[in-house]
Amino acid sequence: SGAKLALSLNATTEEGREALMPVTKRYSLEEVIEACREYAL
């Protein structure tokens, strides 16, 4: 798609994000940020 992407981030550490967003147990913050970087580039 050529549409734009928004990420619901809401935390800046692995532990903090996992406490707020259970999906972090499946996809780490680092994995998600790297995926966003690949999308943007």
All heavy atoms as atom14 arrays in JSON, in Angstrom:
{
  "sequence": "SGAKLALSLNATTEEGREALMPVTKRYSLEEVIEACREYAL",
  "atom14_mask": [
    [1, 1, 1, 1, 1, 1, 0, 0, 0, 0, 0, 0, 0, 0],
    [1, 1, 1, 1, 0, 0, 0, 0, 0, 0, 0, 0, 0, 0],
    [1, 1, 1, 1, 1, 0, 0, 0, 0, 0, 0, 0, 0, 0],
    [1, 1, 1, 1, 1, 1, 1, 1, 1, 0, 0, 0, 0, 0],
    [1, 1, 1, 1, 1, 1, 1, 1, 0, 0, 0, 0, 0, 0],
    [1, 1, 1, 1, 1, 0, 0, 0, 0, 0, 0, 0, 0, 0],
    [1, 1, 1, 1, 1, 1, 1, 1, 0, 0, 0, 0, 0, 0],
    [1, 1, 1, 1, 1, 1, 0, 0, 0, 0, 0, 0, 0, 0],
    [1, 1, 1, 1, 1, 1, 1, 1, 0, 0, 0, 0, 0, 0],
    [1, 1, 1, 1, 1, 1, 1, 1, 0, 0, 0, 0, 0, 0],
    [1, 1, 1, 1, 1, 0, 0, 0, 0, 0, 0, 0, 0, 0],
    [1, 1, 1, 1, 1, 1, 1, 0, 0, 0, 0, 0, 0, 0],
    [1, 1, 1, 1, 1, 1, 1, 0, 0, 0, 0, 0, 0, 0],
    [1, 1, 1, 1, 1, 1, 1, 1, 1, 0, 0, 0, 0, 0],
    [1, 1, 1, 1, 1, 1, 1, 1, 1, 0, 0, 0, 0, 0],
    [1, 1, 1, 1, 0, 0, 0, 0, 0, 0, 0, 0, 0, 0],
    [1, 1, 1, 1, 1, 1, 1, 1, 1, 1, 1, 0, 0, 0],
    [1, 1, 1, 1, 1, 1, 1, 1, 1, 0, 0, 0, 0, 0],
    [1, 1, 1, 1, 1, 0, 0, 0, 0, 0, 0, 0, 0, 0],
    [1, 1, 1, 1, 1, 1, 1, 1, 0, 0, 0, 0, 0, 0],
    [1, 1, 1, 1, 1, 1, 1, 1, 0, 0, 0, 0, 0, 0],
    [1, 1, 1, 1, 1, 1, 1, 0, 0, 0, 0, 0, 0, 0],
    [1, 1, 1, 1, 1, 1, 1, 0, 0, 0, 0, 0, 0, 0],
    [1, 1, 1, 1, 1, 1, 1, 0, 0, 0, 0, 0, 0, 0],
    [1, 1, 1, 1, 1, 1, 1, 1, 1, 0, 0, 0, 0, 0],
    [1, 1, 1, 1, 1, 1, 1, 1, 1, 1, 1, 0, 0, 0],
    [1, 1, 1, 1, 1, 1, 1, 1, 1, 1, 1, 1, 0, 0],
    [1, 1, 1, 1, 1, 1, 0, 0, 0, 0, 0, 0, 0, 0],
    [1, 1, 1, 1, 1, 1, 1, 1, 0, 0, 0, 0, 0, 0],
    [1, 1, 1, 1, 1, 1, 1, 1, 1, 0, 0, 0, 0, 0],
    [1, 1, 1, 1, 1, 1, 1, 1, 1, 0, 0, 0, 0, 0],
    [1, 1, 1, 1, 1, 1, 1, 0, 0, 0, 0, 0, 0, 0],
    [1, 1, 1, 1, 1, 1, 1, 1, 0, 0, 0, 0, 0, 0],
    [1, 1, 1, 1, 1, 1, 1, 1, 1, 0, 0, 0, 0, 0],
    [1, 1, 1, 1, 1, 0, 0, 0, 0, 0, 0, 0, 0, 0],
    [1, 1, 1, 1, 1, 1, 0, 0, 0, 0, 0, 0, 0, 0],
    [1, 1, 1, 1, 1, 1, 1, 1, 1, 1, 1, 0, 0, 0],
    [1, 1, 1, 1, 1, 1, 1, 1, 1, 0, 0, 0, 0, 0],
    [1, 1, 1, 1, 1, 1, 1, 1, 1, 1, 1, 1, 0, 0],
    [1, 1, 1, 1, 1, 0, 0, 0, 0, 0, 0, 0, 0, 0],
    [1, 1, 1, 1, 1, 1, 1, 1, 0, 0, 0, 0, 0, 0]
  ],
  "atom14_positions": [
    [[0.83, -1.21, 0.0], [0.0, 0.0, 0.0], [0.86, 1.25, 0.0], [1.98, 1.25, 0.51], [-0.91, 0.0, 1.24], [-1.59, 1.24, 1.37], [0.0, 0.0, 0.0], [0.0, 0.0, 0.0], [0.0, 0.0, 0.0], [0.0, 0.0, 0.0], [0.0, 0.0, 0.0], [0.0, 0.0, 0.0], [0.0, 0.0, 0.0], [0.0, 0.0, 0.0]],
    [[0.32, 2.31, -0.56], [1.0, 3.6, -0.53], [0.49, 4.5, 0.57], [0.84, 5.67, 0.64], [0.0, 0.0, 0.0], [0.0, 0.0, 0.0], [0.0, 0.0, 0.0], [0.0, 0.0, 0.0], [0.0, 0.0, 0.0], [0.0, 0.0, 0.0], [0.0, 0.0, 0.0], [0.0, 0.0, 0.0], [0.0, 0.0, 0.0], [0.0, 0.0, 0.0]],
    [[-0.36, 3.94, 1.45], [-0.9, 4.74, 2.55], [0.16, 4.95, 3.62], [1.2, 4.3, 3.65], [-2.12, 4.04, 3.15], [0.0, 0.0, 0.0], [0.0, 0.0, 0.0], [0.0, 0.0, 0.0], [0.0, 0.0, 0.0], [0.0, 0.0, 0.0], [0.0, 0.0, 0.0], [0.0, 0.0, 0.0], [0.0, 0.0, 0.0], [0.0, 0.0, 0.0]],
    [[-0.12, 5.88, 4.54], [0.82, 6.21, 5.61], [0.61, 5.29, 6.81], [-0.45, 4.67, 6.98], [0.66, 7.67, 6.01], [1.08, 8.64, 4.9], [0.96, 10.07, 5.37], [1.45, 11.05, 4.3], [1.34, 12.45, 4.76], [0.0, 0.0, 0.0], [0.0, 0.0, 0.0], [0.0, 0.0, 0.0], [0.0, 0.0, 0.0], [0.0, 0.0, 0.0]],
    [[1.63, 5.25, 7.67], [1.64, 4.36, 8.83], [1.75, 5.16, 10.11], [2.53, 6.11, 10.2], [2.82, 3.39, 8.73], [3.03, 2.45, 9.92], [1.98, 1.34, 9.92], [4.43, 1.85, 9.88], [0.0, 0.0, 0.0], [0.0, 0.0, 0.0], [0.0, 0.0, 0.0], [0.0, 0.0, 0.0], [0.0, 0.0, 0.0], [0.0, 0.0, 0.0]],
    [[0.97, 4.76, 11.11], [1.11, 5.3, 12.47], [1.32, 4.14, 13.42], [0.66, 3.1, 13.3], [-0.12, 6.1, 12.88], [0.0, 0.0, 0.0], [0.0, 0.0, 0.0], [0.0, 0.0, 0.0], [0.0, 0.0, 0.0], [0.0, 0.0, 0.0], [0.0, 0.0, 0.0], [0.0, 0.0, 0.0], [0.0, 0.0, 0.0], [0.0, 0.0, 0.0]],
    [[2.26, 4.29, 14.34], [2.5, 3.26, 15.35], [2.06, 3.77, 16.71], [2.44, 4.86, 17.14], [3.99, 2.91, 15.41], [4.36, 1.94, 16.55], [3.87, 0.54, 16.24], [5.86, 1.94, 16.82], [0.0, 0.0, 0.0], [0.0, 0.0, 0.0], [0.0, 0.0, 0.0], [0.0, 0.0, 0.0], [0.0, 0.0, 0.0], [0.0, 0.0, 0.0]],
    [[1.24, 2.98, 17.39], [0.86, 3.28, 18.77], [2.04, 2.86, 19.65], [2.22, 1.68, 19.95], [-0.41, 2.51, 19.13], [-0.91, 2.89, 20.38], [0.0, 0.0, 0.0], [0.0, 0.0, 0.0], [0.0, 0.0, 0.0], [0.0, 0.0, 0.0], [0.0, 0.0, 0.0], [0.0, 0.0, 0.0], [0.0, 0.0, 0.0], [0.0, 0.0, 0.0]],
    [[2.88, 3.82, 20.04], [4.15, 3.53, 20.71], [3.97, 3.43, 22.23], [4.15, 2.38, 22.82], [5.17, 4.6, 20.34], [6.58, 4.47, 20.92], [7.23, 3.17, 20.49], [7.44, 5.66, 20.52], [0.0, 0.0, 0.0], [0.0, 0.0, 0.0], [0.0, 0.0, 0.0], [0.0, 0.0, 0.0], [0.0, 0.0, 0.0], [0.0, 0.0, 0.0]],
    [[3.72, 4.57, 22.85], [3.26, 4.65, 24.25], [4.25, 4.25, 25.33], [3.93, 4.34, 26.52], [1.96, 3.84, 24.44], [0.91, 4.25, 23.45], [0.71, 5.43, 23.2], [0.24, 3.27, 22.84], [0.0, 0.0, 0.0], [0.0, 0.0, 0.0], [0.0, 0.0, 0.0], [0.0, 0.0, 0.0], [0.0, 0.0, 0.0], [0.0, 0.0, 0.0]],
    [[5.43, 3.8, 24.98], [6.47, 3.5, 25.97], [7.81, 3.48, 25.26], [7.88, 3.22, 24.05], [6.21, 2.17, 26.67], [0.0, 0.0, 0.0], [0.0, 0.0, 0.0], [0.0, 0.0, 0.0], [0.0, 0.0, 0.0], [0.0, 0.0, 0.0], [0.0, 0.0, 0.0], [0.0, 0.0, 0.0], [0.0, 0.0, 0.0], [0.0, 0.0, 0.0]],
    [[8.87, 3.71, 26.02], [10.19, 3.81, 25.4], [11.15, 2.72, 25.85], [12.3, 2.69, 25.44], [10.81, 5.19, 25.73], [10.91, 5.32, 27.16], [9.98, 6.31, 25.15], [0.0, 0.0, 0.0], [0.0, 0.0, 0.0], [0.0, 0.0, 0.0], [0.0, 0.0, 0.0], [0.0, 0.0, 0.0], [0.0, 0.0, 0.0], [0.0, 0.0, 0.0]],
    [[10.66, 1.81, 26.72], [11.48, 0.68, 27.14], [10.7, -0.6, 26.89], [9.45, -0.6, 26.82], [11.85, 0.75, 28.63], [10.64, 0.62, 29.42], [12.56, 2.05, 28.97], [0.0, 0.0, 0.0], [0.0, 0.0, 0.0], [0.0, 0.0, 0.0], [0.0, 0.0, 0.0], [0.0, 0.0, 0.0], [0.0, 0.0, 0.0], [0.0, 0.0, 0.0]],
    [[11.43, -1.71, 26.79], [10.8, -3.01, 26.57], [9.82, -3.35, 27.69], [8.68, -3.74, 27.45], [11.89, -4.09, 26.48], [11.49, -5.32, 25.71], [11.35, -5.07, 24.22], [12.23, -4.42, 23.62], [10.34, -5.51, 23.66], [0.0, 0.0, 0.0], [0.0, 0.0, 0.0], [0.0, 0.0, 0.0], [0.0, 0.0, 0.0], [0.0, 0.0, 0.0]],
    [[10.27, -3.16, 28.91], [9.44, -3.51, 30.07], [8.21, -2.61, 30.16], [7.1, -3.07, 30.43], [10.26, -3.4, 31.36], [11.47, -4.3, 31.44], [12.66, -3.8, 30.6], [12.65, -2.61, 30.17], [13.57, -4.6, 30.35], [0.0, 0.0, 0.0], [0.0, 0.0, 0.0], [0.0, 0.0, 0.0], [0.0, 0.0, 0.0], [0.0, 0.0, 0.0]],
    [[8.42, -1.31, 29.92], [7.31, -0.36, 29.99], [6.26, -0.64, 28.94], [5.05, -0.59, 29.21], [0.0, 0.0, 0.0], [0.0, 0.0, 0.0], [0.0, 0.0, 0.0], [0.0, 0.0, 0.0], [0.0, 0.0, 0.0], [0.0, 0.0, 0.0], [0.0, 0.0, 0.0], [0.0, 0.0, 0.0], [0.0, 0.0, 0.0], [0.0, 0.0, 0.0]],
    [[6.7, -0.95, 27.73], [5.75, -1.22, 26.66], [5.01, -2.54, 26.88], [3.82, -2.66, 26.62], [6.45, -1.22, 25.3], [5.48, -1.13, 24.12], [6.18, -0.79, 22.82], [5.24, -0.35, 21.81], [4.66, -1.16, 20.91], [4.96, -2.44, 20.9], [3.81, -0.67, 20.04], [0.0, 0.0, 0.0], [0.0, 0.0, 0.0], [0.0, 0.0, 0.0]],
    [[5.74, -3.52, 27.39], [5.1, -4.82, 27.64], [4.01, -4.7, 28.7], [2.98, -5.37, 28.62], [6.16, -5.84, 28.08], [5.66, -7.26, 28.12], [6.76, -8.26, 28.4], [7.8, -8.2, 27.71], [6.58, -9.12, 29.29], [0.0, 0.0, 0.0], [0.0, 0.0, 0.0], [0.0, 0.0, 0.0], [0.0, 0.0, 0.0], [0.0, 0.0, 0.0]],
    [[4.23, -3.84, 29.7], [3.23, -3.64, 30.75], [1.97, -2.99, 30.21], [0.86, -3.26, 30.69], [3.83, -2.78, 31.87], [0.0, 0.0, 0.0], [0.0, 0.0, 0.0], [0.0, 0.0, 0.0], [0.0, 0.0, 0.0], [0.0, 0.0, 0.0], [0.0, 0.0, 0.0], [0.0, 0.0, 0.0], [0.0, 0.0, 0.0], [0.0, 0.0, 0.0]],
    [[2.11, -2.12, 29.21], [0.96, -1.42, 28.64], [0.35, -2.15, 27.46], [-0.87, -2.11, 27.24], [1.38, -0.02, 28.18], [1.75, 1.0, 29.24], [2.32, 2.26, 28.6], [0.55, 1.33, 30.11], [0.0, 0.0, 0.0], [0.0, 0.0, 0.0], [0.0, 0.0, 0.0], [0.0, 0.0, 0.0], [0.0, 0.0, 0.0], [0.0, 0.0, 0.0]],
    [[1.19, -2.84, 26.67], [0.75, -3.41, 25.41], [1.27, -4.85, 25.31], [2.43, -5.09, 24.95], [1.28, -2.56, 24.24], [0.88, -1.09, 24.36], [1.55, -0.06, 23.05], [0.51, -0.56, 21.67], [0.0, 0.0, 0.0], [0.0, 0.0, 0.0], [0.0, 0.0, 0.0], [0.0, 0.0, 0.0], [0.0, 0.0, 0.0], [0.0, 0.0, 0.0]],
    [[0.43, -5.83, 25.61], [0.84, -7.24, 25.61], [1.44, -7.73, 24.3], [2.21, -8.69, 24.3], [-0.46, -7.98, 25.93], [-1.29, -6.99, 26.67], [-0.96, -5.66, 26.08], [0.0, 0.0, 0.0], [0.0, 0.0, 0.0], [0.0, 0.0, 0.0], [0.0, 0.0, 0.0], [0.0, 0.0, 0.0], [0.0, 0.0, 0.0], [0.0, 0.0, 0.0]],
    [[1.14, -7.07, 23.19], [1.69, -7.48, 21.9], [3.21, -7.44, 21.91], [3.87, -8.11, 21.11], [1.13, -6.6, 20.75], [1.71, -5.19, 20.82], [1.39, -7.23, 19.4], [0.0, 0.0, 0.0], [0.0, 0.0, 0.0], [0.0, 0.0, 0.0], [0.0, 0.0, 0.0], [0.0, 0.0, 0.0], [0.0, 0.0, 0.0], [0.0, 0.0, 0.0]],
    [[3.8, -6.67, 22.84], [5.25, -6.55, 22.94], [5.91, -7.89, 23.28], [7.08, -8.12, 22.97], [5.63, -5.47, 23.98], [4.88, -4.28, 23.71], [7.11, -5.13, 23.92], [0.0, 0.0, 0.0], [0.0, 0.0, 0.0], [0.0, 0.0, 0.0], [0.0, 0.0, 0.0], [0.0, 0.0, 0.0], [0.0, 0.0, 0.0], [0.0, 0.0, 0.0]],
    [[5.16, -8.79, 23.93], [5.71, -10.12, 24.23], [5.95, -10.9, 22.94], [6.8, -11.79, 22.9], [4.74, -10.88, 25.13], [4.55, -10.25, 26.5], [3.5, -11.0, 27.31], [3.25, -10.32, 28.65], [2.17, -10.99, 29.42], [0.0, 0.0, 0.0], [0.0, 0.0, 0.0], [0.0, 0.0, 0.0], [0.0, 0.0, 0.0], [0.0, 0.0, 0.0]],
    [[5.18, -10.58, 21.91], [5.31, -11.27, 20.63], [6.29, -10.57, 19.7], [7.1, -11.2, 19.04], [3.93, -11.36, 19.97], [3.88, -12.19, 18.72], [2.44, -12.32, 18.24], [2.36, -13.03, 16.98], [1.25, -13.13, 16.24], [0.13, -12.57, 16.69], [1.24, -13.77, 15.1], [0.0, 0.0, 0.0], [0.0, 0.0, 0.0], [0.0, 0.0, 0.0]],
    [[6.2, -9.24, 19.67], [7.1, -8.44, 18.83], [7.75, -7.38, 19.72], [7.07, -6.48, 20.2], [6.35, -7.78, 17.68], [5.63, -8.76, 16.78], [4.24, -8.8, 16.73], [6.35, -9.66, 16.0], [3.58, -9.71, 15.91], [5.7, -10.58, 15.18], [4.31, -10.6, 15.15], [3.68, -11.51, 14.35], [0.0, 0.0, 0.0], [0.0, 0.0, 0.0]],
    [[9.03, -7.52, 19.93], [9.74, -6.61, 20.84], [9.71, -5.18, 20.31], [9.51, -4.95, 19.11], [11.18, -7.06, 21.02], [11.91, -6.86, 19.82], [0.0, 0.0, 0.0], [0.0, 0.0, 0.0], [0.0, 0.0, 0.0], [0.0, 0.0, 0.0], [0.0, 0.0, 0.0], [0.0, 0.0, 0.0], [0.0, 0.0, 0.0], [0.0, 0.0, 0.0]],
    [[9.96, -4.24, 21.2], [10.03, -2.83, 20.8], [11.09, -2.65, 19.72], [10.87, -1.93, 18.75], [10.34, -1.97, 22.03], [10.5, -0.47, 21.78], [9.25, 0.13, 21.17], [10.85, 0.24, 23.1], [0.0, 0.0, 0.0], [0.0, 0.0, 0.0], [0.0, 0.0, 0.0], [0.0, 0.0, 0.0], [0.0, 0.0, 0.0], [0.0, 0.0, 0.0]],
    [[12.21, -3.31, 19.88], [13.29, -3.2, 18.9], [12.85, -3.71, 17.53], [13.1, -3.08, 16.5], [14.52, -3.98, 19.37], [15.68, -4.0, 18.39], [16.22, -2.61, 18.07], [16.15, -1.71, 18.93], [16.72, -2.42, 16.94], [0.0, 0.0, 0.0], [0.0, 0.0, 0.0], [0.0, 0.0, 0.0], [0.0, 0.0, 0.0], [0.0, 0.0, 0.0]],
    [[12.15, -4.85, 17.49], [11.65, -5.41, 16.23], [10.68, -4.43, 15.55], [10.72, -4.24, 14.33], [10.91, -6.72, 16.47], [11.77, -7.93, 16.72], [10.9, -9.16, 16.95], [10.51, -9.4, 18.11], [10.61, -9.87, 15.97], [0.0, 0.0, 0.0], [0.0, 0.0, 0.0], [0.0, 0.0, 0.0], [0.0, 0.0, 0.0], [0.0, 0.0, 0.0]],
    [[9.81, -3.84, 16.35], [8.79, -2.95, 15.81], [9.42, -1.67, 15.26], [9.06, -1.2, 14.17], [7.74, -2.62, 16.89], [6.78, -1.54, 16.41], [6.96, -3.88, 17.26], [0.0, 0.0, 0.0], [0.0, 0.0, 0.0], [0.0, 0.0, 0.0], [0.0, 0.0, 0.0], [0.0, 0.0, 0.0], [0.0, 0.0, 0.0], [0.0, 0.0, 0.0]],
    [[10.38, -1.1, 15.99], [11.05, 0.11, 15.52], [11.82, -0.18, 14.23], [11.81, 0.63, 13.29], [11.99, 0.68, 16.6], [11.19, 1.11, 17.84], [12.79, 1.85, 16.05], [10.09, 2.11, 17.57], [0.0, 0.0, 0.0], [0.0, 0.0, 0.0], [0.0, 0.0, 0.0], [0.0, 0.0, 0.0], [0.0, 0.0, 0.0], [0.0, 0.0, 0.0]],
    [[12.47, -1.32, 14.16], [13.21, -1.69, 12.94], [12.25, -1.88, 11.77], [12.55, -1.49, 10.63], [14.03, -2.96, 13.18], [14.92, -3.35, 12.02], [15.88, -2.24, 11.58], [16.36, -1.47, 12.43], [16.12, -2.14, 10.35], [0.0, 0.0, 0.0], [0.0, 0.0, 0.0], [0.0, 0.0, 0.0], [0.0, 0.0, 0.0], [0.0, 0.0, 0.0]],
    [[11.07, -2.47, 12.02], [10.07, -2.64, 10.96], [9.58, -1.28, 10.47], [9.39, -1.07, 9.26], [8.9, -3.48, 11.48], [0.0, 0.0, 0.0], [0.0, 0.0, 0.0], [0.0, 0.0, 0.0], [0.0, 0.0, 0.0], [0.0, 0.0, 0.0], [0.0, 0.0, 0.0], [0.0, 0.0, 0.0], [0.0, 0.0, 0.0], [0.0, 0.0, 0.0]],
    [[9.39, -0.33, 11.4], [8.96, 1.02, 11.03], [10.04, 1.7, 10.18], [9.74, 2.42, 9.22], [8.67, 1.85, 12.28], [7.15, 1.4, 13.13], [0.0, 0.0, 0.0], [0.0, 0.0, 0.0], [0.0, 0.0, 0.0], [0.0, 0.0, 0.0], [0.0, 0.0, 0.0], [0.0, 0.0, 0.0], [0.0, 0.0, 0.0], [0.0, 0.0, 0.0]],
    [[11.28, 1.48, 10.56], [12.4, 2.06, 9.8], [12.4, 1.52, 8.37], [12.57, 2.27, 7.41], [13.72, 1.75, 10.51], [14.96, 2.33, 9.84], [16.19, 2.08, 10.69], [17.38, 2.61, 10.02], [18.07, 1.95, 9.09], [17.7, 0.73, 8.75], [19.13, 2.49, 8.53], [0.0, 0.0, 0.0], [0.0, 0.0, 0.0], [0.0, 0.0, 0.0]],
    [[12.2, 0.2, 8.24], [12.18, -0.41, 6.91], [11.01, 0.13, 6.08], [11.14, 0.42, 4.9], [12.08, -1.93, 7.04], [12.23, -2.67, 5.72], [12.33, -4.17, 5.9], [12.74, -4.63, 6.99], [12.0, -4.89, 4.93], [0.0, 0.0, 0.0], [0.0, 0.0, 0.0], [0.0, 0.0, 0.0], [0.0, 0.0, 0.0], [0.0, 0.0, 0.0]],
    [[9.84, 0.28, 6.74], [8.67, 0.86, 6.05], [8.98, 2.27, 5.56], [8.71, 2.62, 4.4], [7.46, 0.9, 6.99], [6.39, 1.86, 6.52], [5.43, 1.47, 5.61], [6.38, 3.19, 6.96], [4.48, 2.37, 5.13], [5.44, 4.09, 6.5], [4.49, 3.68, 5.58], [3.56, 4.58, 5.11], [0.0, 0.0, 0.0], [0.0, 0.0, 0.0]],
    [[9.54, 3.11, 6.43], [9.79, 4.51, 6.09], [10.78, 4.65, 4.95], [10.58, 5.45, 4.03], [10.28, 5.27, 7.33], [0.0, 0.0, 0.0], [0.0, 0.0, 0.0], [0.0, 0.0, 0.0], [0.0, 0.0, 0.0], [0.0, 0.0, 0.0], [0.0, 0.0, 0.0], [0.0, 0.0, 0.0], [0.0, 0.0, 0.0], [0.0, 0.0, 0.0]],
    [[11.84, 3.85, 4.99], [12.86, 3.95, 3.95], [12.32, 3.43, 2.61], [12.67, 3.96, 1.55], [14.11, 3.16, 4.36], [14.86, 3.7, 5.58], [16.04, 2.82, 5.94], [15.32, 5.14, 5.35], [0.0, 0.0, 0.0], [0.0, 0.0, 0.0], [0.0, 0.0, 0.0], [0.0, 0.0, 0.0], [0.0, 0.0, 0.0], [0.0, 0.0, 0.0]]
  ]
}
